[in-house]
Amino acid sequence: MDTHDTTGTLEEALERLHASGPERLGRLTNHAPMVVEALTAHGRADAVHRWLDLYRPKLEDFPRPFAAVTDDNWRAALGDPRRAADWIAHFRRALAEHPWRDVLAAWWPRLLPGLYGGSTHPVIRVGHAVRALGAAENAPRLAELAHGLGYWAARHHPVSGIVPLPAAPDAARSLDAVPPVDDPRGGFPDRLAAVRRLPRWAGDVTGPDTARARLTELVRAATHRYATHGHGEETMLVHAATAPNAVLRTLPSLPRELWAPSLHAAWTASAAVTAMYAPAEPAAFVPVPGHTAQEVLDMALAHGDEHVVKLTDTALDVGDERALAAALRAIELSRPLTPN
């Protein structure tokens, strides 16, 4: 269903948004760049500025510089949210001097261990930026990649000490086998720190083609699972699907030797989110036959919530009836975006 927007609307929207920071209130992610890319990718450029007008109260000014990131000090600057503006400036310079795929290939393995910071939103933003650049390369889209990579570097947060558990043969049953955290309280960082055990699904995969196939399987399984488990936390469980899908979208622009490590990081992210927000019991799956992908997208857009739009974007990538049912479930569970 993806279409290439030739109206210039995405460029206009990104230029409008790049005066805003990657977060608000010191911790909540700016989702607007991801949503406008999703809308234009699926042929709804006509709705972009109207949606942005609704979302505008959630935007904050771009943060002030703190201390420049350089080739000599970047390691010390990883994971320092005070350095968001500095990191974005660093990637703007890098992308002005080198092809964007070379910059991505150099930084992906450095950033991948910290995929879990910012509730996985930074890698999701990068995935949207890479899809946009794959369709057309221009200054606003390159700047958006700089913003995404800079946000990821500033919120870089590794996880460690997770005990591997036996996994089922497929992604869906392995997600079913994820044990919930013992103390499901607090926000994302608190719950992430409580993740102690995860199944080691696909841990033996080393070949790039197998990695891509398994990652595709994971995205499908996590999207399908939302239809029956999304009520555990209607917003945060979206990321169990959208984070691995961002990685999947990025694979074709990366060296093949990075595909297997990307799968492993994406699995850990999806499984960790599953552990952090698992409901006590699944809901019954309710089929919703008769809806086309375009109809579901239009319903998500009318609803307006940023996570609903982004899960619908992933559901359209998966493309089957159960994935569309997951998007409709998100519409049912989530609060609509309304004018202030």
Protein backbone atom coordinates (compact mmCIF):
# COMPACT_ATOMS: atom_id res chain seq x y z
CA MET A 1 0.00 0.00 0.00
CA ASP A 2 3.02 2.32 0.31
CA THR A 3 3.03 5.23 -2.10
CA HIS A 4 5.72 7.78 -2.78
CA ASP A 5 4.54 11.29 -1.90
CA THR A 6 5.55 13.73 -4.61
CA THR A 7 3.59 16.71 -3.27
CA GLY A 8 6.39 18.05 -1.07
CA THR A 9 4.09 17.76 1.95
CA LEU A 10 6.46 15.55 3.92
CA GLU A 11 9.31 17.99 3.35
CA GLU A 12 7.12 20.90 4.48
CA ALA A 13 6.04 19.00 7.58
CA LEU A 14 9.57 17.96 8.52
CA GLU A 15 10.88 21.49 8.12
CA ARG A 16 8.05 22.67 10.33
CA LEU A 17 8.85 20.01 12.92
CA HIS A 18 12.61 20.42 13.04
CA ALA A 19 12.15 23.57 15.09
CA SER A 20 10.77 21.27 17.80
CA GLY A 21 12.67 18.99 20.13
CA PRO A 22 12.53 15.20 20.18
CA GLU A 23 10.72 15.21 23.53
CA ARG A 24 8.44 17.22 25.76
CA LEU A 25 8.23 17.46 29.54
CA GLY A 26 11.70 15.93 29.68
CA ARG A 27 10.58 12.41 28.92
CA LEU A 28 7.66 12.13 26.45
CA THR A 29 8.52 11.54 22.81
CA ASN A 30 7.59 13.83 19.95
CA HIS A 31 5.77 11.43 17.64
CA ALA A 32 4.88 13.92 14.93
CA PRO A 33 7.76 13.18 12.52
CA MET A 34 6.91 9.49 12.58
CA VAL A 35 3.20 10.04 12.03
CA VAL A 36 3.60 12.46 9.13
CA GLU A 37 5.98 10.06 7.41
CA ALA A 38 3.51 7.20 7.89
CA LEU A 39 0.65 9.25 6.48
CA THR A 40 2.57 10.30 3.40
CA ALA A 41 3.89 6.77 2.87
CA HIS A 42 0.31 5.51 2.69
CA GLY A 43 -1.10 8.16 0.43
CA ARG A 44 -2.62 10.55 2.96
CA ALA A 45 -0.40 13.59 2.49
CA ASP A 46 -3.59 15.61 2.29
CA ALA A 47 -4.19 15.04 6.02
CA VAL A 48 -0.69 15.84 7.29
CA HIS A 49 -0.98 19.53 8.15
CA ARG A 50 -4.46 19.14 9.61
CA TRP A 51 -3.15 16.39 11.90
CA LEU A 52 -0.14 18.52 12.83
CA ASP A 53 -2.40 21.37 13.84
CA LEU A 54 -4.08 19.03 16.34
CA TYR A 55 -0.76 17.74 17.63
CA ARG A 56 0.89 21.17 17.92
CA PRO A 57 0.20 21.62 21.68
CA LYS A 58 2.39 18.57 22.31
CA LEU A 59 5.46 20.14 20.69
CA GLU A 60 8.23 21.92 22.58
CA ASP A 61 10.98 24.16 21.27
CA PHE A 62 14.22 22.62 20.10
CA PRO A 63 16.58 22.17 23.08
CA ARG A 64 19.61 24.34 23.63
CA PRO A 65 23.11 23.01 22.93
CA PHE A 66 25.01 21.71 25.94
CA ALA A 67 28.47 20.65 24.76
CA ALA A 68 29.52 19.70 21.25
CA VAL A 69 29.79 16.02 20.35
CA THR A 70 33.02 15.24 18.53
CA ASP A 71 34.81 12.22 17.12
CA ASP A 72 36.88 12.17 20.29
CA ASN A 73 34.19 12.47 22.98
CA TRP A 74 31.13 10.76 21.51
CA ARG A 75 31.40 7.67 23.72
CA ALA A 76 31.13 9.76 26.87
CA ALA A 77 28.12 11.60 25.40
CA LEU A 78 26.09 8.45 24.66
CA GLY A 79 22.94 8.25 26.74
CA ASP A 80 23.08 11.86 27.97
CA PRO A 81 19.68 13.44 27.20
CA ARG A 82 21.13 16.90 27.86
CA ARG A 83 23.15 16.42 24.68
CA ALA A 84 20.20 15.88 22.29
CA ALA A 85 20.83 19.12 20.37
CA ASP A 86 24.56 18.39 20.27
CA TRP A 87 24.00 14.89 18.93
CA ILE A 88 21.60 16.13 16.26
CA ALA A 89 24.16 18.74 15.19
CA HIS A 90 26.83 16.03 15.07
CA PHE A 91 24.73 13.90 12.71
CA ARG A 92 23.80 16.88 10.59
CA ARG A 93 27.51 17.48 10.01
CA ALA A 94 28.16 13.81 9.31
CA LEU A 95 25.32 13.60 6.80
CA ALA A 96 26.54 16.75 5.05
CA GLU A 97 29.95 15.15 4.58
CA HIS A 98 29.12 11.49 3.85
CA PRO A 99 26.41 9.44 2.09
CA TRP A 100 23.59 8.72 4.50
CA ARG A 101 23.88 4.95 4.17
CA ASP A 102 27.57 5.18 5.16
CA VAL A 103 26.68 7.21 8.25
CA LEU A 104 23.91 4.75 9.13
CA ALA A 105 26.22 1.76 8.68
CA ALA A 106 28.91 3.33 10.89
CA TRP A 107 26.56 4.28 13.70
CA TRP A 108 24.04 1.44 13.70
CA PRO A 109 26.28 -1.03 15.56
CA ARG A 110 27.26 1.69 18.03
CA LEU A 111 23.66 2.60 18.77
CA LEU A 112 22.04 -0.83 18.53
CA PRO A 113 22.97 -1.94 22.09
CA GLY A 114 21.09 1.11 23.39
CA LEU A 115 17.94 0.53 21.33
CA TYR A 116 15.84 0.37 24.51
CA GLY A 117 16.23 4.00 25.57
CA GLY A 118 13.42 6.48 25.05
CA SER A 119 10.90 3.61 25.18
CA THR A 120 12.33 2.44 21.80
CA HIS A 121 11.02 5.61 20.10
CA PRO A 122 14.42 6.70 18.74
CA VAL A 123 14.91 3.59 16.63
CA ILE A 124 11.31 3.85 15.46
CA ARG A 125 11.95 7.42 14.33
CA VAL A 126 15.07 6.27 12.50
CA GLY A 127 13.09 3.54 10.76
CA HIS A 128 10.60 6.08 9.46
CA ALA A 129 13.42 8.38 8.32
CA VAL A 130 15.14 5.55 6.45
CA ARG A 131 11.93 4.61 4.66
CA ALA A 132 11.49 8.24 3.60
CA LEU A 133 15.06 8.45 2.31
CA GLY A 134 14.62 5.21 0.42
CA ALA A 135 11.83 6.88 -1.55
CA ALA A 136 13.55 10.24 -2.11
CA GLU A 137 16.74 11.84 -0.86
CA ASN A 138 16.64 15.56 -0.06
CA ALA A 139 17.64 17.98 2.67
CA PRO A 140 14.57 17.73 4.95
CA ARG A 141 14.65 13.93 4.87
CA LEU A 142 18.37 13.87 5.61
CA ALA A 143 17.78 16.29 8.48
CA GLU A 144 15.11 13.95 9.83
CA LEU A 145 17.60 11.09 9.88
CA ALA A 146 19.98 13.35 11.82
CA HIS A 147 17.23 14.10 14.34
CA GLY A 148 16.39 10.41 14.71
CA LEU A 149 19.97 9.26 15.14
CA GLY A 150 20.70 12.15 17.48
CA TYR A 151 17.72 11.32 19.65
CA TRP A 152 18.81 7.67 19.75
CA ALA A 153 22.33 8.60 20.82
CA ALA A 154 21.03 10.96 23.51
CA ARG A 155 18.66 8.33 24.92
CA HIS A 156 21.00 5.38 24.36
CA HIS A 157 20.24 2.82 27.09
CA PRO A 158 21.60 -0.76 27.02
CA VAL A 159 20.13 -3.67 28.93
CA SER A 160 22.18 -6.42 30.54
CA GLY A 161 21.94 -9.29 32.98
CA ILE A 162 18.89 -10.90 31.39
CA VAL A 163 18.78 -14.64 32.01
CA PRO A 164 17.96 -16.56 28.80
CA LEU A 165 15.01 -18.95 28.95
CA PRO A 166 14.10 -21.69 26.48
CA ALA A 167 12.13 -20.40 23.52
CA ALA A 168 9.42 -21.93 21.39
CA PRO A 169 10.14 -22.65 17.72
CA ASP A 170 8.23 -19.61 16.47
CA ALA A 171 7.91 -15.97 17.45
CA ALA A 172 4.25 -16.09 18.45
CA ARG A 173 4.69 -18.89 20.96
CA SER A 174 7.92 -17.38 22.23
CA LEU A 175 6.07 -14.14 22.97
CA ASP A 176 3.48 -16.25 24.78
CA ALA A 177 6.33 -17.71 26.85
CA VAL A 178 7.66 -14.32 28.01
CA PRO A 179 7.26 -14.13 31.80
CA PRO A 180 5.77 -10.89 33.11
CA VAL A 181 7.95 -8.73 35.32
CA ASP A 182 7.55 -9.35 39.05
CA ASP A 183 6.87 -5.71 39.88
CA PRO A 184 4.95 -4.00 37.06
CA ARG A 185 4.99 -0.48 38.45
CA GLY A 186 6.38 2.83 37.30
CA GLY A 187 7.23 4.07 33.85
CA PHE A 188 9.17 2.45 31.07
CA PRO A 189 12.67 2.80 32.65
CA ASP A 190 11.50 1.29 35.96
CA ARG A 191 9.80 -1.62 34.28
CA LEU A 192 12.70 -2.20 31.91
CA ALA A 193 15.00 -2.50 34.93
CA ALA A 194 12.64 -5.17 36.29
CA VAL A 195 13.02 -7.41 33.22
CA ARG A 196 15.16 -10.31 34.39
CA ARG A 197 14.33 -13.29 32.16
CA LEU A 198 13.42 -13.60 28.49
CA PRO A 199 13.21 -16.51 26.06
CA ARG A 200 16.20 -16.62 23.72
CA TRP A 201 14.22 -16.91 20.51
CA ALA A 202 16.29 -16.91 17.29
CA GLY A 203 19.46 -16.53 19.34
CA ASP A 204 21.32 -18.97 17.11
CA VAL A 205 20.56 -17.07 13.90
CA THR A 206 23.66 -15.73 12.16
CA GLY A 207 22.72 -15.67 8.47
CA PRO A 208 21.33 -12.39 7.14
CA ASP A 209 18.52 -13.88 5.06
CA THR A 210 17.31 -16.00 7.97
CA ALA A 211 17.56 -12.96 10.23
CA ARG A 212 15.35 -10.95 7.90
CA ALA A 213 12.80 -13.77 7.68
CA ARG A 214 12.70 -14.16 11.47
CA LEU A 215 12.36 -10.42 11.96
CA THR A 216 9.44 -10.39 9.54
CA GLU A 217 7.90 -13.21 11.54
CA LEU A 218 8.39 -11.30 14.79
CA VAL A 219 6.70 -8.16 13.46
CA ARG A 220 3.73 -10.21 12.31
CA ALA A 221 3.46 -12.08 15.62
CA ALA A 222 3.72 -8.95 17.77
CA THR A 223 1.17 -7.12 15.63
CA HIS A 224 -1.26 -10.04 15.79
CA ARG A 225 -0.75 -10.32 19.54
CA TYR A 226 -1.91 -6.76 20.11
CA ALA A 227 -5.41 -7.79 19.03
CA THR A 228 -5.72 -10.03 22.10
CA HIS A 229 -3.24 -8.45 24.54
CA GLY A 230 -3.31 -4.72 23.80
CA HIS A 231 -5.57 -4.05 26.78
CA GLY A 232 -2.57 -4.72 29.05
CA GLU A 233 -1.43 -1.20 28.14
CA GLU A 234 -2.92 0.16 24.98
CA THR A 235 -0.12 2.61 24.27
CA MET A 236 3.07 0.91 25.38
CA LEU A 237 2.29 -2.50 23.88
CA VAL A 238 2.24 -0.87 20.45
CA HIS A 239 6.03 -0.75 20.65
CA ALA A 240 6.34 -4.53 20.80
CA ALA A 241 5.42 -4.40 17.11
CA THR A 242 6.57 -0.98 15.91
CA ALA A 243 10.13 -1.21 17.29
CA PRO A 244 11.03 -4.45 15.46
CA ASN A 245 9.27 -3.14 12.36
CA ALA A 246 11.51 -0.07 12.40
CA VAL A 247 14.52 -2.37 12.47
CA LEU A 248 13.06 -4.49 9.66
CA ARG A 249 12.55 -1.40 7.50
CA THR A 250 16.15 -0.39 8.02
CA LEU A 251 17.78 -3.72 7.11
CA PRO A 252 17.97 -3.12 3.33
CA SER A 253 19.99 0.05 3.95
CA LEU A 254 22.47 -1.72 6.24
CA PRO A 255 25.39 -4.05 5.52
CA ARG A 256 24.17 -7.63 5.65
CA GLU A 257 26.51 -8.51 8.51
CA LEU A 258 24.43 -6.22 10.73
CA TRP A 259 21.15 -8.00 10.04
CA ALA A 260 21.51 -10.82 12.62
CA PRO A 261 22.57 -8.51 15.49
CA SER A 262 19.62 -6.30 14.55
CA LEU A 263 17.25 -9.25 14.86
CA HIS A 264 18.59 -10.10 18.32
CA ALA A 265 18.21 -6.53 19.60
CA ALA A 266 14.72 -6.21 18.11
CA TRP A 267 13.63 -9.48 19.74
CA THR A 268 14.88 -8.32 23.13
CA ALA A 269 12.98 -5.04 22.74
CA SER A 270 9.73 -6.71 21.69
CA ALA A 271 9.96 -9.38 24.38
CA ALA A 272 10.87 -6.86 27.08
CA VAL A 273 7.87 -4.65 26.24
CA THR A 274 5.71 -7.79 26.33
CA ALA A 275 7.06 -8.64 29.80
CA MET A 276 6.60 -5.09 31.09
CA TYR A 277 2.97 -4.63 30.10
CA ALA A 278 1.48 -8.11 29.87
CA PRO A 279 -2.21 -8.33 30.84
CA ALA A 280 -3.30 -10.92 33.35
CA GLU A 281 -5.36 -12.70 30.70
CA PRO A 282 -5.73 -12.32 26.93
CA ALA A 283 -8.97 -11.14 25.40
CA ALA A 284 -10.81 -13.25 22.90
CA PHE A 285 -9.88 -12.53 19.32
CA VAL A 286 -12.73 -10.84 17.50
CA PRO A 287 -12.44 -11.03 13.71
CA VAL A 288 -13.35 -7.87 11.81
CA PRO A 289 -13.82 -9.03 8.23
CA GLY A 290 -14.75 -6.72 5.44
CA HIS A 291 -12.46 -3.77 6.19
CA THR A 292 -9.93 -2.79 3.55
CA ALA A 293 -6.50 -1.49 4.47
CA GLN A 294 -7.48 1.98 3.25
CA GLU A 295 -10.60 1.97 5.39
CA VAL A 296 -8.61 1.01 8.48
CA LEU A 297 -6.07 3.75 7.78
CA ASP A 298 -8.87 6.29 7.38
CA MET A 299 -10.37 5.17 10.70
CA ALA A 300 -7.00 5.48 12.43
CA LEU A 301 -6.50 8.94 10.99
CA ALA A 302 -9.97 10.03 12.11
CA HIS A 303 -9.11 8.78 15.60
CA GLY A 304 -5.82 10.64 15.44
CA ASP A 305 -3.86 9.18 18.34
CA GLU A 306 -0.23 8.95 17.34
CA HIS A 307 0.27 5.40 18.55
CA VAL A 308 -2.88 4.27 16.77
CA VAL A 309 -1.60 5.71 13.51
CA LYS A 310 1.82 4.11 13.96
CA LEU A 311 0.44 0.67 14.84
CA THR A 312 -1.85 0.92 11.82
CA ASP A 313 1.18 1.75 9.69
CA THR A 314 2.84 -1.47 10.88
CA ALA A 315 -0.40 -3.43 10.47
CA LEU A 316 -0.55 -2.30 6.84
CA ASP A 317 2.99 -3.59 6.38
CA VAL A 318 1.90 -6.99 7.73
CA GLY A 319 -1.18 -6.76 5.57
CA ASP A 320 -3.43 -9.57 6.77
CA GLU A 321 -6.84 -9.56 8.41
CA ARG A 322 -5.54 -10.23 11.92
CA ALA A 323 -3.11 -7.31 11.66
CA LEU A 324 -5.95 -5.01 10.58
CA ALA A 325 -7.94 -6.32 13.56
CA ALA A 326 -5.05 -5.27 15.81
CA ALA A 327 -5.20 -1.74 14.40
CA LEU A 328 -8.94 -1.60 15.00
CA ARG A 329 -8.38 -2.86 18.54
CA ALA A 330 -5.96 0.04 19.12
CA ILE A 331 -8.64 2.45 17.91
CA GLU A 332 -11.10 0.88 20.34
CA LEU A 333 -8.76 1.02 23.34
CA SER A 334 -7.07 4.40 22.86
CA ARG A 335 -8.14 7.95 23.59
CA PRO A 336 -8.62 10.01 20.42
CA LEU A 337 -6.47 13.03 19.65
CA THR A 338 -8.69 16.06 20.10
CA PRO A 339 -8.13 19.83 19.97
CA ASN A 340 -7.07 21.43 23.24
